Amino acid sequence: MPATHEIVATLGEYTDATGATKKRYLRCGTGFTTADGNLSIKLDAIPGPGWTGWMNLYPLKPREGAPQRTAGAGPTPAAVAAGEDDDIPF
């Protein structure tokens, strides 16, 4: 099932270098739309102090040049055969 949403919590506000007030966000996980139209979520983080208990779902925007992946999907058989299944960058 492909990822369809980003799960985000607002943690407060800050003032940027120009003096504008901006919100501080934490990406907490990913939302998935199942074949029957229901939503499933995978949380990667839970906010700490200052969190109100609310999280928002935002539709994922495709990133240019990024392959479409599903959560928990391992390397493709071709990648394993080519020795490209190692996540360690060294």
PDB file of N, CA and C in Angstrom:
ATOM      1  N   MET A   1       0.852  -1.173   0.000  1.00  0.00           N
ATOM      2  CA  MET A   1       0.000   0.000   0.000  1.00  0.00           C
ATOM      3  C   MET A   1       0.895   1.233   0.000  1.00  0.00           C
ATOM      4  N   PRO A   2       0.647   2.145  -0.898  1.00  0.00           N
ATOM      5  CA  PRO A   2       1.516   3.328  -1.002  1.00  0.00           C
ATOM      6  C   PRO A   2       1.222   4.374   0.074  1.00  0.00           C
ATOM      7  N   ALA A   3       2.265   5.071   0.450  1.00  0.00           N
ATOM      8  CA  ALA A   3       2.116   6.179   1.392  1.00  0.00           C
ATOM      9  C   ALA A   3       1.347   7.297   0.708  1.00  0.00           C
ATOM     10  N   THR A   4       0.363   7.878   1.421  1.00  0.00           N
ATOM     11  CA  THR A   4      -0.464   8.929   0.835  1.00  0.00           C
ATOM     12  C   THR A   4      -0.480  10.220   1.645  1.00  0.00           C
ATOM     13  N   HIS A   5      -0.074  10.160   2.928  1.00  0.00           N
ATOM     14  CA  HIS A   5      -0.148  11.338   3.786  1.00  0.00           C
ATOM     15  C   HIS A   5       1.084  11.454   4.675  1.00  0.00           C
ATOM     16  N   GLU A   6       1.348  12.665   5.081  1.00  0.00           N
ATOM     17  CA  GLU A   6       2.379  12.957   6.055  1.00  0.00           C
ATOM     18  C   GLU A   6       1.669  13.327   7.354  1.00  0.00           C
ATOM     19  N   ILE A   7       2.127  12.807   8.489  1.00  0.00           N
ATOM     20  CA  ILE A   7       1.523  13.110   9.784  1.00  0.00           C
ATOM     21  C   ILE A   7       2.426  14.116  10.498  1.00  0.00           C
ATOM     22  N   VAL A   8       1.845  15.267  10.854  1.00  0.00           N
ATOM     23  CA  VAL A   8       2.634  16.382  11.385  1.00  0.00           C
ATOM     24  C   VAL A   8       1.968  16.939  12.651  1.00  0.00           C
ATOM     25  N   ALA A   9       2.789  17.264  13.643  1.00  0.00           N
ATOM     26  CA  ALA A   9       2.310  17.927  14.861  1.00  0.00           C
ATOM     27  C   ALA A   9       2.913  19.328  14.925  1.00  0.00           C
ATOM     28  N   THR A  10       2.124  20.289  15.386  1.00  0.00           N
ATOM     29  CA  THR A  10       2.612  21.648  15.601  1.00  0.00           C
ATOM     30  C   THR A  10       3.094  21.745  17.043  1.00  0.00           C
ATOM     31  N   LEU A  11       4.331  22.197  17.228  1.00  0.00           N
ATOM     32  CA  LEU A  11       4.916  22.216  18.571  1.00  0.00           C
ATOM     33  C   LEU A  11       5.053  23.601  19.174  1.00  0.00           C
ATOM     34  N   GLY A  12       4.672  24.616  18.454  1.00  0.00           N
ATOM     35  CA  GLY A  12       4.778  25.962  18.995  1.00  0.00           C
ATOM     36  C   GLY A  12       5.117  26.950  17.894  1.00  0.00           C
ATOM     37  N   GLU A  13       5.683  28.074  18.292  1.00  0.00           N
ATOM     38  CA  GLU A  13       6.034  29.121  17.345  1.00  0.00           C
ATOM     39  C   GLU A  13       7.431  29.640  17.645  1.00  0.00           C
ATOM     40  N   TYR A  14       8.009  30.298  16.641  1.00  0.00           N
ATOM     41  CA  TYR A  14       9.299  30.957  16.797  1.00  0.00           C
ATOM     42  C   TYR A  14       9.316  32.188  15.902  1.00  0.00           C
ATOM     43  N   THR A  15      10.282  33.059  16.131  1.00  0.00           N
ATOM     44  CA  THR A  15      10.443  34.265  15.320  1.00  0.00           C
ATOM     45  C   THR A  15      11.677  34.079  14.440  1.00  0.00           C
ATOM     46  N   ASP A  16      11.492  34.219  13.121  1.00  0.00           N
ATOM     47  CA  ASP A  16      12.628  34.050  12.207  1.00  0.00           C
ATOM     48  C   ASP A  16      13.480  35.314  12.163  1.00  0.00           C
ATOM     49  N   ALA A  17      14.523  35.302  11.337  1.00  0.00           N
ATOM     50  CA  ALA A  17      15.478  36.412  11.266  1.00  0.00           C
ATOM     51  C   ALA A  17      14.843  37.719  10.795  1.00  0.00           C
ATOM     52  N   THR A  18      13.720  37.619  10.062  1.00  0.00           N
ATOM     53  CA  THR A  18      13.057  38.837   9.581  1.00  0.00           C
ATOM     54  C   THR A  18      12.041  39.377  10.575  1.00  0.00           C
ATOM     55  N   GLY A  19      11.849  38.661  11.698  1.00  0.00           N
ATOM     56  CA  GLY A  19      10.881  39.090  12.701  1.00  0.00           C
ATOM     57  C   GLY A  19       9.502  38.485  12.521  1.00  0.00           C
ATOM     58  N   ALA A  20       9.331  37.642  11.495  1.00  0.00           N
ATOM     59  CA  ALA A  20       8.038  36.993  11.253  1.00  0.00           C
ATOM     60  C   ALA A  20       7.850  35.811  12.204  1.00  0.00           C
ATOM     61  N   THR A  21       6.630  35.636  12.678  1.00  0.00           N
ATOM     62  CA  THR A  21       6.312  34.508  13.540  1.00  0.00           C
ATOM     63  C   THR A  21       5.970  33.309  12.667  1.00  0.00           C
ATOM     64  N   LYS A  22       6.635  32.191  12.940  1.00  0.00           N
ATOM     65  CA  LYS A  22       6.428  30.950  12.188  1.00  0.00           C
ATOM     66  C   LYS A  22       6.075  29.833  13.158  1.00  0.00           C
ATOM     67  N   LYS A  23       5.395  28.810  12.649  1.00  0.00           N
ATOM     68  CA  LYS A  23       5.076  27.645  13.476  1.00  0.00           C
ATOM     69  C   LYS A  23       6.209  26.628  13.389  1.00  0.00           C
ATOM     70  N   ARG A  24       6.405  25.913  14.469  1.00  0.00           N
ATOM     71  CA  ARG A  24       7.413  24.856  14.535  1.00  0.00           C
ATOM     72  C   ARG A  24       6.675  23.519  14.405  1.00  0.00           C
ATOM     73  N   TYR A  25       7.128  22.687  13.451  1.00  0.00           N
ATOM     74  CA  TYR A  25       6.459  21.424  13.161  1.00  0.00           C
ATOM     75  C   TYR A  25       7.390  20.244  13.409  1.00  0.00           C
ATOM     76  N   LEU A  26       6.783  19.088  13.686  1.00  0.00           N
ATOM     77  CA  LEU A  26       7.513  17.828  13.781  1.00  0.00           C
ATOM     78  C   LEU A  26       6.795  16.809  12.917  1.00  0.00           C
ATOM     79  N   ARG A  27       7.513  16.222  11.963  1.00  0.00           N
ATOM     80  CA  ARG A  27       6.941  15.147  11.150  1.00  0.00           C
ATOM     81  C   ARG A  27       6.950  13.891  12.011  1.00  0.00           C
ATOM     82  N   CYS A  28       5.764  13.339  12.281  1.00  0.00           N
ATOM     83  CA  CYS A  28       5.629  12.237  13.224  1.00  0.00           C
ATOM     84  C   CYS A  28       5.425  10.876  12.567  1.00  0.00           C
ATOM     85  N   GLY A  29       5.096  10.847  11.290  1.00  0.00           N
ATOM     86  CA  GLY A  29       4.876   9.560  10.652  1.00  0.00           C
ATOM     87  C   GLY A  29       4.267   9.688   9.275  1.00  0.00           C
ATOM     88  N   THR A  30       3.703   8.563   8.812  1.00  0.00           N
ATOM     89  CA  THR A  30       3.167   8.458   7.464  1.00  0.00           C
ATOM     90  C   THR A  30       1.780   7.835   7.500  1.00  0.00           C
ATOM     91  N   GLY A  31       0.881   8.329   6.639  1.00  0.00           N
ATOM     92  CA  GLY A  31      -0.455   7.764   6.490  1.00  0.00           C
ATOM     93  C   GLY A  31      -0.551   7.000   5.181  1.00  0.00           C
ATOM     94  N   PHE A  32      -1.324   5.937   5.190  1.00  0.00           N
ATOM     95  CA  PHE A  32      -1.490   5.077   4.024  1.00  0.00           C
ATOM     96  C   PHE A  32      -2.973   4.885   3.759  1.00  0.00           C
ATOM     97  N   THR A  33      -3.362   4.882   2.502  1.00  0.00           N
ATOM     98  CA  THR A  33      -4.739   4.607   2.132  1.00  0.00           C
ATOM     99  C   THR A  33      -4.797   3.168   1.644  1.00  0.00           C
ATOM    100  N   THR A  34      -5.638   2.359   2.301  1.00  0.00           N
ATOM    101  CA  THR A  34      -5.751   0.941   1.953  1.00  0.00           C
ATOM    102  C   THR A  34      -6.619   0.766   0.711  1.00  0.00           C
ATOM    103  N   ALA A  35      -6.628  -0.438   0.186  1.00  0.00           N
ATOM    104  CA  ALA A  35      -7.396  -0.740  -1.028  1.00  0.00           C
ATOM    105  C   ALA A  35      -8.889  -0.472  -0.832  1.00  0.00           C
ATOM    106  N   ASP A  36      -9.392  -0.614   0.396  1.00  0.00           N
ATOM    107  CA  ASP A  36     -10.818  -0.375   0.644  1.00  0.00           C
ATOM    108  C   ASP A  36     -11.113   1.073   1.049  1.00  0.00           C
ATOM    109  N   GLY A  37     -10.093   1.959   0.947  1.00  0.00           N
ATOM    110  CA  GLY A  37     -10.311   3.391   1.194  1.00  0.00           C
ATOM    111  C   GLY A  37     -10.080   3.846   2.621  1.00  0.00           C
ATOM    112  N   ASN A  38      -9.764   2.942   3.533  1.00  0.00           N
ATOM    113  CA  ASN A  38      -9.493   3.322   4.921  1.00  0.00           C
ATOM    114  C   ASN A  38      -8.085   3.879   5.053  1.00  0.00           C
ATOM    115  N   LEU A  39      -7.846   4.621   6.136  1.00  0.00           N
ATOM    116  CA  LEU A  39      -6.519   5.159   6.416  1.00  0.00           C
ATOM    117  C   LEU A  39      -5.845   4.331   7.498  1.00  0.00           C
ATOM    118  N   SER A  40      -4.562   4.072   7.314  1.00  0.00           N
ATOM    119  CA  SER A  40      -3.719   3.449   8.331  1.00  0.00           C
ATOM    120  C   SER A  40      -2.564   4.401   8.566  1.00  0.00           C
ATOM    121  N   ILE A  41      -2.036   4.406   9.800  1.00  0.00           N
ATOM    122  CA  ILE A  41      -0.916   5.299  10.085  1.00  0.00           C
ATOM    123  C   ILE A  41       0.236   4.519  10.689  1.00  0.00           C
ATOM    124  N   LYS A  42       1.443   5.027  10.449  1.00  0.00           N
ATOM    125  CA  LYS A  42       2.666   4.497  11.035  1.00  0.00           C
ATOM    126  C   LYS A  42       3.349   5.669  11.712  1.00  0.00           C
ATOM    127  N   LEU A  43       3.394   5.657  13.045  1.00  0.00           N
ATOM    128  CA  LEU A  43       4.045   6.737  13.787  1.00  0.00           C
ATOM    129  C   LEU A  43       5.520   6.425  13.961  1.00  0.00           C
ATOM    130  N   ASP A  44       6.358   7.423  13.693  1.00  0.00           N
ATOM    131  CA  ASP A  44       7.795   7.306  13.877  1.00  0.00           C
ATOM    132  C   ASP A  44       8.264   8.112  15.085  1.00  0.00           C
ATOM    133  N   ALA A  45       7.454   9.071  15.515  1.00  0.00           N
ATOM    134  CA  ALA A  45       7.817   9.934  16.644  1.00  0.00           C
ATOM    135  C   ALA A  45       6.556  10.412  17.339  1.00  0.00           C
ATOM    136  N   ILE A  46       6.676  10.641  18.637  1.00  0.00           N
ATOM    137  CA  ILE A  46       5.588  11.238  19.415  1.00  0.00           C
ATOM    138  C   ILE A  46       6.167  12.490  20.070  1.00  0.00           C
ATOM    139  N   PRO A  47       5.550  13.641  19.831  1.00  0.00           N
ATOM    140  CA  PRO A  47       6.087  14.897  20.371  1.00  0.00           C
ATOM    141  C   PRO A  47       6.133  14.901  21.897  1.00  0.00           C
ATOM    142  N   GLY A  48       7.004  15.709  22.422  1.00  0.00           N
ATOM    143  CA  GLY A  48       7.170  15.815  23.862  1.00  0.00           C
ATOM    144  C   GLY A  48       6.467  17.039  24.431  1.00  0.00           C
ATOM    145  N   PRO A  49       7.118  17.736  25.354  1.00  0.00           N
ATOM    146  CA  PRO A  49       6.517  18.894  26.020  1.00  0.00           C
ATOM    147  C   PRO A  49       6.045  19.957  25.028  1.00  0.00           C
ATOM    148  N   GLY A  50       4.916  20.555  25.344  1.00  0.00           N
ATOM    149  CA  GLY A  50       4.360  21.609  24.500  1.00  0.00           C
ATOM    150  C   GLY A  50       3.392  21.097  23.449  1.00  0.00           C
ATOM    151  N   TRP A  51       3.296  19.785  23.313  1.00  0.00           N
ATOM    152  CA  TRP A  51       2.399  19.203  22.316  1.00  0.00           C
ATOM    153  C   TRP A  51       0.974  19.197  22.843  1.00  0.00           C
ATOM    154  N   THR A  52       0.014  19.607  22.006  1.00  0.00           N
ATOM    155  CA  THR A  52      -1.389  19.713  22.411  1.00  0.00           C
ATOM    156  C   THR A  52      -2.163  18.409  22.259  1.00  0.00           C
ATOM    157  N   GLY A  53      -1.553  17.394  21.645  1.00  0.00           N
ATOM    158  CA  GLY A  53      -2.250  16.135  21.420  1.00  0.00           C
ATOM    159  C   GLY A  53      -2.815  16.005  20.014  1.00  0.00           C
ATOM    160  N   TRP A  54      -2.758  17.070  19.235  1.00  0.00           N
ATOM    161  CA  TRP A  54      -3.294  17.065  17.874  1.00  0.00           C
ATOM    162  C   TRP A  54      -2.192  16.789  16.860  1.00  0.00           C
ATOM    163  N   MET A  55      -2.544  15.990  15.835  1.00  0.00           N
ATOM    164  CA  MET A  55      -1.681  15.772  14.679  1.00  0.00           C
ATOM    165  C   MET A  55      -2.517  16.030  13.432  1.00  0.00           C
ATOM    166  N   ASN A  56      -1.867  16.433  12.371  1.00  0.00           N
ATOM    167  CA  ASN A  56      -2.555  16.713  11.115  1.00  0.00           C
ATOM    168  C   ASN A  56      -2.059  15.779  10.023  1.00  0.00           C
ATOM    169  N   LEU A  57      -2.967  15.418   9.114  1.00  0.00           N
ATOM    170  CA  LEU A  57      -2.615  14.625   7.935  1.00  0.00           C
ATOM    171  C   LEU A  57      -2.579  15.552   6.733  1.00  0.00           C
ATOM    172  N   TYR A  58      -1.460  15.555   6.025  1.00  0.00           N
ATOM    173  CA  TYR A  58      -1.328  16.340   4.803  1.00  0.00           C
ATOM    174  C   TYR A  58      -1.020  15.397   3.651  1.00  0.00           C
ATOM    175  N   PRO A  59      -1.685  15.585   2.508  1.00  0.00           N
ATOM    176  CA  PRO A  59      -1.370  14.728   1.356  1.00  0.00           C
ATOM    177  C   PRO A  59       0.114  14.851   0.993  1.00  0.00           C
ATOM    178  N   LEU A  60       0.718  13.716   0.689  1.00  0.00           N
ATOM    179  CA  LEU A  60       2.119  13.727   0.273  1.00  0.00           C
ATOM    180  C   LEU A  60       2.254  14.403  -1.074  1.00  0.00           C
ATOM    181  N   LYS A  61       3.289  15.185  -1.206  1.00  0.00           N
ATOM    182  CA  LYS A  61       3.607  15.802  -2.488  1.00  0.00           C
ATOM    183  C   LYS A  61       4.758  14.996  -3.075  1.00  0.00           C
ATOM    184  N   PRO A  62       4.630  14.552  -4.318  1.00  0.00           N
ATOM    185  CA  PRO A  62       5.717  13.770  -4.907  1.00  0.00           C
ATOM    186  C   PRO A  62       7.006  14.588  -4.965  1.00  0.00           C
ATOM    187  N   ARG A  63       8.098  13.955  -4.590  1.00  0.00           N
ATOM    188  CA  ARG A  63       9.397  14.610  -4.662  1.00  0.00           C
ATOM    189  C   ARG A  63      10.023  14.284  -6.003  1.00  0.00           C
ATOM    190  N   GLU A  64      10.585  15.298  -6.624  1.00  0.00           N
ATOM    191  CA  GLU A  64      11.187  15.116  -7.933  1.00  0.00           C
ATOM    192  C   GLU A  64      12.342  14.137  -7.858  1.00  0.00           C
ATOM    193  N   GLY A  65      12.296  13.108  -8.702  1.00  0.00           N
ATOM    194  CA  GLY A  65      13.383  12.145  -8.782  1.00  0.00           C
ATOM    195  C   GLY A  65      13.366  11.071  -7.715  1.00  0.00           C
ATOM    196  N   ALA A  66      12.424  11.139  -6.760  1.00  0.00           N
ATOM    197  CA  ALA A  66      12.370  10.132  -5.701  1.00  0.00           C
ATOM    198  C   ALA A  66      11.485   8.974  -6.139  1.00  0.00           C
ATOM    199  N   PRO A  67      11.954   7.745  -5.944  1.00  0.00           N
ATOM    200  CA  PRO A  67      11.122   6.598  -6.318  1.00  0.00           C
ATOM    201  C   PRO A  67       9.940   6.446  -5.366  1.00  0.00           C
ATOM    202  N   GLN A  68       8.819   5.950  -5.857  1.00  0.00           N
ATOM    203  CA  GLN A  68       7.637   5.710  -5.022  1.00  0.00           C
ATOM    204  C   GLN A  68       7.864   4.424  -4.247  1.00  0.00           C
ATOM    205  N   ARG A  69       7.834   4.476  -2.914  1.00  0.00           N
ATOM    206  CA  ARG A  69       8.072   3.308  -2.073  1.00  0.00           C
ATOM    207  C   ARG A  69       6.887   3.101  -1.144  1.00  0.00           C
ATOM    208  N   THR A  70       6.744   1.894  -0.642  1.00  0.00           N
ATOM    209  CA  THR A  70       5.727   1.608   0.359  1.00  0.00           C
ATOM    210  C   THR A  70       6.432   1.286   1.664  1.00  0.00           C
ATOM    211  N   ALA A  71       5.766   1.512   2.782  1.00  0.00           N
ATOM    212  CA  ALA A  71       6.374   1.268   4.085  1.00  0.00           C
ATOM    213  C   ALA A  71       6.669  -0.203   4.256  1.00  0.00           C
ATOM    214  N   GLY A  72       7.825  -0.486   4.799  1.00  0.00           N
ATOM    215  CA  GLY A  72       8.203  -1.860   5.066  1.00  0.00           C
ATOM    216  C   GLY A  72       8.664  -2.612   3.834  1.00  0.00           C
ATOM    217  N   ALA A  73       8.667  -1.959   2.696  1.00  0.00           N
ATOM    218  CA  ALA A  73       9.101  -2.631   1.483  1.00  0.00           C
ATOM    219  C   ALA A  73      10.605  -2.784   1.520  1.00  0.00           C
ATOM    220  N   GLY A  74      11.058  -3.978   1.334  1.00  0.00           N
ATOM    221  CA  GLY A  74      12.490  -4.239   1.312  1.00  0.00           C
ATOM    222  C   GLY A  74      13.056  -3.954  -0.057  1.00  0.00           C
ATOM    223  N   PRO A  75      14.328  -4.274  -0.236  1.00  0.00           N
ATOM    224  CA  PRO A  75      14.949  -4.058  -1.530  1.00  0.00           C
ATOM    225  C   PRO A  75      14.344  -4.974  -2.581  1.00  0.00           C
ATOM    226  N   THR A  76      14.412  -4.556  -3.816  1.00  0.00           N
ATOM    227  CA  THR A  76      13.899  -5.388  -4.892  1.00  0.00           C
ATOM    228  C   THR A  76      14.831  -6.570  -5.092  1.00  0.00           C
ATOM    229  N   PRO A  77      14.330  -7.683  -5.648  1.00  0.00           N
ATOM    230  CA  PRO A  77      15.210  -8.834  -5.906  1.00  0.00           C
ATOM    231  C   PRO A  77      16.416  -8.461  -6.770  1.00  0.00           C
ATOM    232  N   ALA A  78      16.219  -7.556  -7.729  1.00  0.00           N
ATOM    233  CA  ALA A  78      17.339  -7.140  -8.573  1.00  0.00           C
ATOM    234  C   ALA A  78      18.395  -6.399  -7.753  1.00  0.00           C
ATOM    235  N   ALA A  79      17.962  -5.586  -6.790  1.00  0.00           N
ATOM    236  CA  ALA A  79      18.901  -4.855  -5.949  1.00  0.00           C
ATOM    237  C   ALA A  79      19.692  -5.808  -5.062  1.00  0.00           C
ATOM    238  N   VAL A  80      19.018  -6.844  -4.541  1.00  0.00           N
ATOM    239  CA  VAL A  80      19.710  -7.837  -3.709  1.00  0.00           C
ATOM    240  C   VAL A  80      20.758  -8.560  -4.540  1.00  0.00           C
ATOM    241  N   ALA A  81      20.367  -8.980  -5.741  1.00  0.00           N
ATOM    242  CA  ALA A  81      21.291  -9.695  -6.617  1.00  0.00           C
ATOM    243  C   ALA A  81      22.500  -8.834  -6.979  1.00  0.00           C
ATOM    244  N   ALA A  82      22.298  -7.528  -7.082  1.00  0.00           N
ATOM    245  CA  ALA A  82      23.388  -6.617  -7.445  1.00  0.00           C
ATOM    246  C   ALA A  82      24.175  -6.150  -6.221  1.00  0.00           C
ATOM    247  N   GLY A  83      23.785  -6.626  -5.020  1.00  0.00           N
ATOM    248  CA  GLY A  83      24.485  -6.218  -3.807  1.00  0.00           C
ATOM    249  C   GLY A  83      24.111  -4.833  -3.327  1.00  0.00           C
ATOM    250  N   GLU A  84      22.951  -4.321  -3.737  1.00  0.00           N
ATOM    251  CA  GLU A  84      22.535  -2.969  -3.379  1.00  0.00           C
ATOM    252  C   GLU A  84      21.535  -2.943  -2.227  1.00  0.00           C
ATOM    253  N   ASP A  85      21.468  -3.996  -1.430  1.00  0.00           N
ATOM    254  CA  ASP A  85      20.466  -4.061  -0.359  1.00  0.00           C
ATOM    255  C   ASP A  85      20.997  -3.549   0.968  1.00  0.00           C
ATOM    256  N   ASP A  86      22.198  -3.031   1.012  1.00  0.00           N
ATOM    257  CA  ASP A  86      22.797  -2.565   2.241  1.00  0.00           C
ATOM    258  C   ASP A  86      22.437  -1.122   2.518  1.00  0.00           C
ATOM    259  N   ASP A  87      21.792  -0.840   3.669  1.00  0.00           N
ATOM    260  CA  ASP A  87      21.396   0.524   4.035  1.00  0.00           C
ATOM    261  C   ASP A  87      22.556   1.306   4.660  1.00  0.00           C
ATOM    262  N   ILE A  88      23.627   0.640   5.019  1.00  0.00           N
ATOM    263  CA  ILE A  88      24.736   1.310   5.683  1.00  0.00           C
ATOM    264  C   ILE A  88      25.554   2.053   4.629  1.00  0.00           C
ATOM    265  N   PRO A  89      25.792   3.360   4.820  1.00  0.00           N
ATOM    266  CA  PRO A  89      26.430   4.163   3.780  1.00  0.00           C
ATOM    267  C   PRO A  89      27.951   4.025   3.696  1.00  0.00           C
ATOM    268  N   PHE A  90      28.552   3.071   4.400  1.00  0.00           N
ATOM    269  CA  PHE A  90      30.015   2.915   4.312  1.00  0.00           C
ATOM    270  C   PHE A  90      30.391   1.470   4.157  1.00  0.00           C
TER     271      PHE A  90
END
